[in-house]
Amino acid sequence: MSSDLVRVRPGLARDASKLRSIRLEALADTPDAYGETYAECAAWDDEVWTRKAEEWNFYLAEINGRVVGMARGESHNTRSDIRFLFAMYVAPSARGTDVARRLVDAVSAWARVQGVNSLYLYVSNAVPRARAFYAKVGFVATGSSLSMHRDESLVCDEMCRDLEEFSFRVRAVEASQLYDLRRRVLRDGDPTVDVVNPGDGLVTTRHFGGFLGERPVVSASFYEVEAPFAPGERAYQLRYMATDFDVQGRGLGAQLLERALEELPRGDVGRVWANARTSAQAFYEANGWRVVPNSLFVSQETGIDHVVIQIPLV
């Protein structure tokens, strides 16, 4: 297992068929753990599963590309001010590994960015091993319980987990810690795309990751490359700026950039520049970057419109 590639990632609309498979597996494996039934969900057609994949905030655990678990993070329909962990499942082949913890941590990270300090769940008394696991990773019973609407003999206890350790932090990292984010967010998850940059290991290169707990959710790399509009002048080029799908729009990218610009070595390097997607132009301008006049171009790598931006190192 140690040599296997294990990852947990936010699910996307294109994962509808994977969501269907792992959810039905969960309902067949542990029917007393969930409010929905196998028969109910098996009757959903492809259109319904596609809609669920678009609407649900769900996470998939994969080992060597094979889905072995899932979880959801959502608001409760009657308690919109708090966040819940739902639909947690790990396949028997992956039990005893850290897949379950990583799924819970992924949802915890999302919940923390939502502005709450605790993550809640309901665990069925019919599945004592699940309750034992939740207690092991820091959930405590609140003293509340409820019966499942489909079977009142199934009682679920409420538990909650403190999320203090999932406060956002920025730190310098090795490039390899950011490759998964680079590929998933910037290259549409294409496994054939090489996201390793030849300059990743240079002593002048700096890589920063934004973390929620131990989960990297933002990436940025800075290479010492002169700007095309200022030849002969030492500068850093920002590349691979990416924020994971489920925490976008929460200001994490701006926090990482602010911290990184403070920590970059100055010397006689006076500015940072980047080729920014035009869709992200407003974000950069709001954070002090300026567009180089007449710099609009189409990237040969992605076919997407870009502009050149810059910011001084003060």
Protein backbone atom coordinates (compact mmCIF):
# COMPACT_ATOMS: atom_id res chain seq x y z
CA MET A 1 0.00 0.00 0.00
CA SER A 2 2.89 2.38 0.73
CA SER A 3 3.85 2.46 -2.97
CA ASP A 4 0.29 3.01 -4.13
CA LEU A 5 -0.89 6.45 -5.20
CA VAL A 6 -3.58 7.49 -2.72
CA ARG A 7 -5.43 10.76 -3.08
CA VAL A 8 -8.64 12.40 -1.93
CA ARG A 9 -10.12 15.10 -4.13
CA PRO A 10 -13.30 17.13 -4.59
CA GLY A 11 -15.72 15.41 -6.93
CA LEU A 12 -16.80 17.19 -10.11
CA ALA A 13 -19.78 16.98 -12.44
CA ARG A 14 -17.84 14.69 -14.77
CA ASP A 15 -17.54 12.17 -11.91
CA ALA A 16 -21.25 11.26 -11.99
CA SER A 17 -20.67 7.62 -12.95
CA LYS A 18 -17.98 7.23 -10.25
CA LEU A 19 -20.30 8.81 -7.70
CA ARG A 20 -23.07 6.39 -8.65
CA SER A 21 -20.84 3.33 -8.35
CA ILE A 22 -19.31 4.15 -4.97
CA ARG A 23 -22.61 5.35 -3.49
CA LEU A 24 -24.44 2.17 -4.50
CA GLU A 25 -21.55 0.10 -3.18
CA ALA A 26 -21.85 1.88 0.16
CA LEU A 27 -25.60 1.32 0.38
CA ALA A 28 -25.19 -2.38 -0.44
CA ASP A 29 -22.30 -2.84 2.00
CA THR A 30 -23.70 -1.02 5.05
CA PRO A 31 -27.43 -0.38 4.52
CA ASP A 32 -28.15 0.58 8.14
CA ALA A 33 -25.65 3.45 8.05
CA TYR A 34 -27.53 5.71 5.65
CA GLY A 35 -30.85 7.47 5.34
CA GLU A 36 -31.24 6.45 1.70
CA THR A 37 -31.66 2.86 0.53
CA TYR A 38 -29.97 0.93 -2.26
CA ALA A 39 -33.28 0.39 -4.06
CA GLU A 40 -34.08 4.10 -3.92
CA CYS A 41 -30.75 5.22 -5.37
CA ALA A 42 -30.40 2.36 -7.86
CA ALA A 43 -33.62 3.60 -9.47
CA TRP A 44 -32.07 6.97 -10.31
CA ASP A 45 -31.26 7.34 -14.00
CA ASP A 46 -28.12 8.93 -15.47
CA GLU A 47 -29.74 12.36 -15.53
CA VAL A 48 -30.39 12.26 -11.79
CA TRP A 49 -26.83 11.15 -11.02
CA THR A 50 -25.46 13.91 -13.22
CA ARG A 51 -27.55 16.42 -11.30
CA LYS A 52 -26.38 15.01 -7.97
CA ALA A 53 -22.75 15.27 -9.09
CA GLU A 54 -23.35 18.93 -9.96
CA GLU A 55 -25.24 19.79 -6.76
CA TRP A 56 -23.47 17.75 -4.08
CA ASN A 57 -20.24 18.82 -2.44
CA PHE A 58 -18.66 15.37 -2.46
CA TYR A 59 -15.17 13.93 -2.20
CA LEU A 60 -13.69 10.82 -3.78
CA ALA A 61 -10.85 8.73 -2.40
CA GLU A 62 -8.77 6.95 -5.04
CA ILE A 63 -5.99 4.39 -4.95
CA ASN A 64 -4.08 4.22 -8.24
CA GLY A 65 -7.04 5.92 -9.91
CA ARG A 66 -9.64 3.47 -8.57
CA VAL A 67 -12.37 4.99 -6.39
CA VAL A 68 -12.37 3.36 -2.95
CA GLY A 69 -14.36 5.83 -0.85
CA MET A 70 -16.49 8.92 -0.68
CA ALA A 71 -17.88 11.52 1.69
CA ARG A 72 -20.06 14.63 1.46
CA GLY A 73 -19.90 17.96 3.19
CA GLU A 74 -23.13 19.93 3.31
CA SER A 75 -25.42 22.10 5.40
CA HIS A 76 -28.23 20.24 7.13
CA ASN A 77 -31.62 21.04 5.60
CA THR A 78 -32.90 22.31 8.97
CA ARG A 79 -29.62 23.63 10.40
CA SER A 80 -28.08 25.88 7.77
CA ASP A 81 -25.68 27.56 10.22
CA ILE A 82 -23.55 24.45 10.76
CA ARG A 83 -21.83 21.94 8.47
CA PHE A 84 -22.24 18.17 8.41
CA LEU A 85 -20.31 15.17 7.19
CA PHE A 86 -22.63 12.85 5.27
CA ALA A 87 -22.42 9.66 3.19
CA MET A 88 -19.02 8.57 4.52
CA TYR A 89 -17.85 5.24 3.08
CA VAL A 90 -14.58 3.38 2.55
CA ALA A 91 -14.44 0.12 0.58
CA PRO A 92 -13.30 -2.99 2.50
CA SER A 93 -10.08 -3.13 0.43
CA ALA A 94 -9.04 0.30 1.76
CA ARG A 95 -10.06 -0.08 5.40
CA GLY A 96 -7.20 0.00 7.84
CA THR A 97 -5.38 2.62 5.73
CA ASP A 98 -5.50 6.39 6.17
CA VAL A 99 -8.14 6.79 3.42
CA ALA A 100 -10.99 7.28 5.90
CA ARG A 101 -9.09 9.93 7.87
CA ARG A 102 -8.15 11.75 4.68
CA LEU A 103 -11.79 11.84 3.57
CA VAL A 104 -12.87 13.27 6.93
CA ASP A 105 -10.02 15.79 6.82
CA ALA A 106 -11.04 16.91 3.32
CA VAL A 107 -14.57 17.66 4.50
CA SER A 108 -13.21 19.29 7.68
CA ALA A 109 -11.02 21.61 5.60
CA TRP A 110 -13.99 22.63 3.46
CA ALA A 111 -16.15 23.26 6.54
CA ARG A 112 -13.47 25.43 8.17
CA VAL A 113 -13.35 27.68 5.11
CA GLN A 114 -17.13 27.97 5.34
CA GLY A 115 -16.54 29.89 8.58
CA VAL A 116 -17.60 27.28 11.14
CA ASN A 117 -15.55 25.96 14.04
CA SER A 118 -17.01 22.46 14.26
CA LEU A 119 -18.04 19.68 11.88
CA TYR A 120 -21.05 17.56 12.82
CA LEU A 121 -22.28 14.12 11.80
CA TYR A 122 -24.87 11.50 12.66
CA VAL A 123 -23.63 7.93 13.15
CA SER A 124 -25.94 4.96 13.29
CA ASN A 125 -25.83 2.79 16.42
CA ALA A 126 -26.02 -0.17 14.04
CA VAL A 127 -22.43 0.51 12.90
CA PRO A 128 -20.26 0.62 16.04
CA ARG A 129 -16.99 0.45 14.07
CA ALA A 130 -17.91 3.74 12.39
CA ARG A 131 -18.52 5.40 15.73
CA ALA A 132 -15.18 4.09 17.03
CA PHE A 133 -13.39 5.54 14.01
CA TYR A 134 -15.01 8.95 14.41
CA ALA A 135 -14.02 9.05 18.07
CA LYS A 136 -10.45 8.15 17.08
CA VAL A 137 -10.17 11.16 14.73
CA GLY A 138 -11.55 13.63 17.25
CA PHE A 139 -15.34 13.55 17.09
CA VAL A 140 -17.16 13.67 20.42
CA ALA A 141 -20.78 12.90 21.19
CA THR A 142 -23.00 15.94 21.73
CA GLY A 143 -25.68 14.03 23.63
CA SER A 144 -28.27 14.51 20.87
CA SER A 145 -29.70 11.75 18.71
CA LEU A 146 -32.43 11.15 16.15
CA SER A 147 -34.18 8.27 14.45
CA MET A 148 -33.92 7.67 10.72
CA HIS A 149 -37.02 8.79 8.92
CA ARG A 150 -37.18 5.54 6.91
CA ASP A 151 -36.75 3.25 9.95
CA GLU A 152 -37.26 4.64 13.45
CA SER A 153 -35.54 1.63 14.98
CA LEU A 154 -32.25 2.95 13.59
CA VAL A 155 -31.03 5.62 16.00
CA CYS A 156 -28.19 7.98 15.06
CA ASP A 157 -26.07 9.80 17.62
CA GLU A 158 -24.80 13.29 16.87
CA MET A 159 -21.04 13.89 17.11
CA CYS A 160 -18.89 16.93 16.39
CA ARG A 161 -15.22 17.65 15.69
CA ASP A 162 -13.32 20.83 16.54
CA LEU A 163 -11.77 22.43 13.43
CA GLU A 164 -9.14 24.68 14.98
CA GLU A 165 -6.31 22.69 13.39
CA PHE A 166 -7.79 23.40 9.96
CA SER A 167 -7.14 27.14 10.07
CA PHE A 168 -5.49 28.27 6.83
CA ARG A 169 -1.69 28.37 6.85
CA VAL A 170 0.89 29.15 4.17
CA ARG A 171 4.32 27.55 4.11
CA ALA A 172 7.22 26.88 1.76
CA VAL A 173 7.07 23.37 0.27
CA GLU A 174 8.70 21.05 -2.21
CA ALA A 175 7.28 21.22 -5.73
CA SER A 176 6.10 17.61 -5.59
CA GLN A 177 3.55 18.50 -2.91
CA LEU A 178 1.77 20.72 -5.44
CA TYR A 179 1.73 18.50 -8.52
CA ASP A 180 -1.71 17.03 -7.87
CA LEU A 181 -3.25 20.51 -7.56
CA ARG A 182 -1.46 21.66 -10.71
CA ARG A 183 -2.84 18.78 -12.72
CA ARG A 184 -6.39 18.73 -11.38
CA VAL A 185 -7.10 22.46 -11.33
CA LEU A 186 -4.95 23.78 -14.19
CA ARG A 187 -4.84 20.83 -16.60
CA ASP A 188 -8.35 19.43 -16.24
CA GLY A 189 -7.08 16.37 -14.38
CA ASP A 190 -5.45 14.97 -17.52
CA PRO A 191 -3.05 12.21 -16.33
CA THR A 192 -1.03 12.47 -19.57
CA VAL A 193 -0.01 16.09 -18.92
CA ASP A 194 3.43 16.60 -17.40
CA VAL A 195 3.16 19.17 -14.61
CA VAL A 196 6.81 18.99 -13.59
CA ASN A 197 8.67 22.18 -14.51
CA PRO A 198 12.41 21.92 -15.34
CA GLY A 199 13.02 24.79 -12.92
CA ASP A 200 11.24 23.20 -9.97
CA GLY A 201 14.44 22.09 -8.27
CA LEU A 202 16.58 25.17 -8.84
CA VAL A 203 17.90 26.87 -5.71
CA THR A 204 16.40 30.18 -6.88
CA THR A 205 12.89 28.71 -7.21
CA ARG A 206 10.36 29.07 -4.41
CA HIS A 207 7.19 27.00 -3.97
CA PHE A 208 4.38 27.86 -1.55
CA GLY A 209 1.39 25.85 -0.48
CA GLY A 210 -1.72 26.95 1.35
CA PHE A 211 -2.89 24.27 3.78
CA LEU A 212 -6.04 23.48 5.72
CA GLY A 213 -4.70 21.01 8.24
CA GLU A 214 -2.38 18.87 6.13
CA ARG A 215 -4.46 19.23 2.98
CA PRO A 216 -2.87 21.48 0.32
CA VAL A 217 -5.60 23.63 -1.22
CA VAL A 218 -3.63 26.47 -2.89
CA SER A 219 -0.40 26.36 -4.86
CA ALA A 220 2.01 28.94 -6.29
CA SER A 221 5.55 28.65 -7.64
CA PHE A 222 8.03 31.46 -8.32
CA TYR A 223 10.90 31.05 -10.83
CA GLU A 224 13.68 33.54 -11.38
CA VAL A 225 12.94 34.47 -15.00
CA GLU A 226 13.27 37.91 -16.54
CA ALA A 227 10.06 39.52 -17.73
CA PRO A 228 9.51 39.81 -21.50
CA PHE A 229 8.74 43.51 -21.09
CA ALA A 230 11.93 44.18 -19.04
CA PRO A 231 14.81 42.19 -20.60
CA GLY A 232 18.00 42.11 -18.59
CA GLU A 233 16.24 42.78 -15.29
CA ARG A 234 16.08 40.04 -12.65
CA ALA A 235 12.52 39.08 -11.77
CA TYR A 236 10.38 36.23 -10.51
CA GLN A 237 7.74 34.62 -12.67
CA LEU A 238 4.64 33.31 -10.86
CA ARG A 239 3.35 30.04 -12.29
CA TYR A 240 0.90 27.29 -11.34
CA MET A 241 -1.36 29.47 -9.18
CA ALA A 242 -4.24 27.17 -8.32
CA THR A 243 -6.97 26.87 -5.68
CA ASP A 244 -8.85 23.60 -5.18
CA PHE A 245 -12.40 23.53 -6.49
CA ASP A 246 -14.33 23.26 -3.23
CA VAL A 247 -12.64 26.25 -1.53
CA GLN A 248 -12.48 28.72 -4.42
CA GLY A 249 -13.81 32.23 -3.89
CA ARG A 250 -12.88 32.31 -0.18
CA GLY A 251 -9.81 34.55 -0.38
CA LEU A 252 -7.25 31.78 0.16
CA GLY A 253 -5.33 32.55 -3.02
CA ALA A 254 -5.00 36.18 -2.01
CA GLN A 255 -3.70 35.17 1.42
CA LEU A 256 -1.09 32.89 -0.11
CA LEU A 257 0.11 35.55 -2.55
CA GLU A 258 0.41 38.15 0.19
CA ARG A 259 2.49 35.80 2.35
CA ALA A 260 4.64 34.61 -0.57
CA LEU A 261 5.44 38.13 -1.74
CA GLU A 262 6.58 38.94 1.79
CA GLU A 263 8.87 35.91 1.96
CA LEU A 264 10.47 35.93 -1.50
CA PRO A 265 14.19 36.79 -1.35
CA ARG A 266 14.74 40.31 -2.69
CA GLY A 267 18.39 40.93 -3.51
CA ASP A 268 18.29 42.84 -6.75
CA VAL A 269 15.03 41.18 -7.84
CA GLY A 270 12.50 43.98 -8.03
CA ARG A 271 9.30 42.55 -9.43
CA VAL A 272 7.12 39.50 -9.98
CA TRP A 273 5.30 38.89 -13.24
CA ALA A 274 2.96 36.24 -14.61
CA ASN A 275 0.94 35.16 -17.59
CA ALA A 276 -2.57 35.30 -16.13
CA ARG A 277 -5.75 33.88 -17.59
CA THR A 278 -8.08 36.72 -18.49
CA SER A 279 -10.74 35.00 -16.37
CA ALA A 280 -8.48 35.62 -13.33
CA GLN A 281 -7.46 39.17 -14.28
CA ALA A 282 -9.89 40.84 -11.87
CA PHE A 283 -8.56 38.72 -8.98
CA TYR A 284 -4.99 39.84 -9.57
CA GLU A 285 -5.91 43.48 -10.08
CA ALA A 286 -7.85 43.46 -6.82
CA ASN A 287 -4.67 42.28 -5.10
CA GLY A 288 -2.38 44.98 -6.45
CA TRP A 289 -1.17 43.49 -9.72
CA ARG A 290 -1.24 45.55 -12.92
CA VAL A 291 -1.75 44.43 -16.50
CA VAL A 292 1.07 45.17 -18.93
CA PRO A 293 -0.45 47.20 -21.79
CA ASN A 294 -1.08 45.40 -25.09
CA SER A 295 -0.09 42.03 -23.63
CA LEU A 296 -3.14 39.92 -24.53
CA PHE A 297 -2.20 36.56 -26.07
CA VAL A 298 -3.45 33.01 -26.48
CA SER A 299 -1.48 30.35 -24.60
CA GLN A 300 -0.02 27.67 -26.86
CA GLU A 301 -0.24 25.22 -23.94
CA THR A 302 -3.94 25.62 -23.15
CA GLY A 303 -5.48 27.70 -25.97
CA ILE A 304 -6.82 30.11 -23.32
CA ASP A 305 -6.61 33.93 -23.45
CA HIS A 306 -3.95 35.40 -21.15
CA VAL A 307 -2.51 38.79 -20.26
CA VAL A 308 0.85 39.63 -18.73
CA ILE A 309 0.65 41.06 -15.21
CA GLN A 310 3.21 42.40 -12.76
CA ILE A 311 3.65 43.65 -9.21
CA PRO A 312 6.70 45.29 -7.56
CA LEU A 313 8.51 43.65 -4.65
CA VAL A 314 8.43 46.36 -2.04
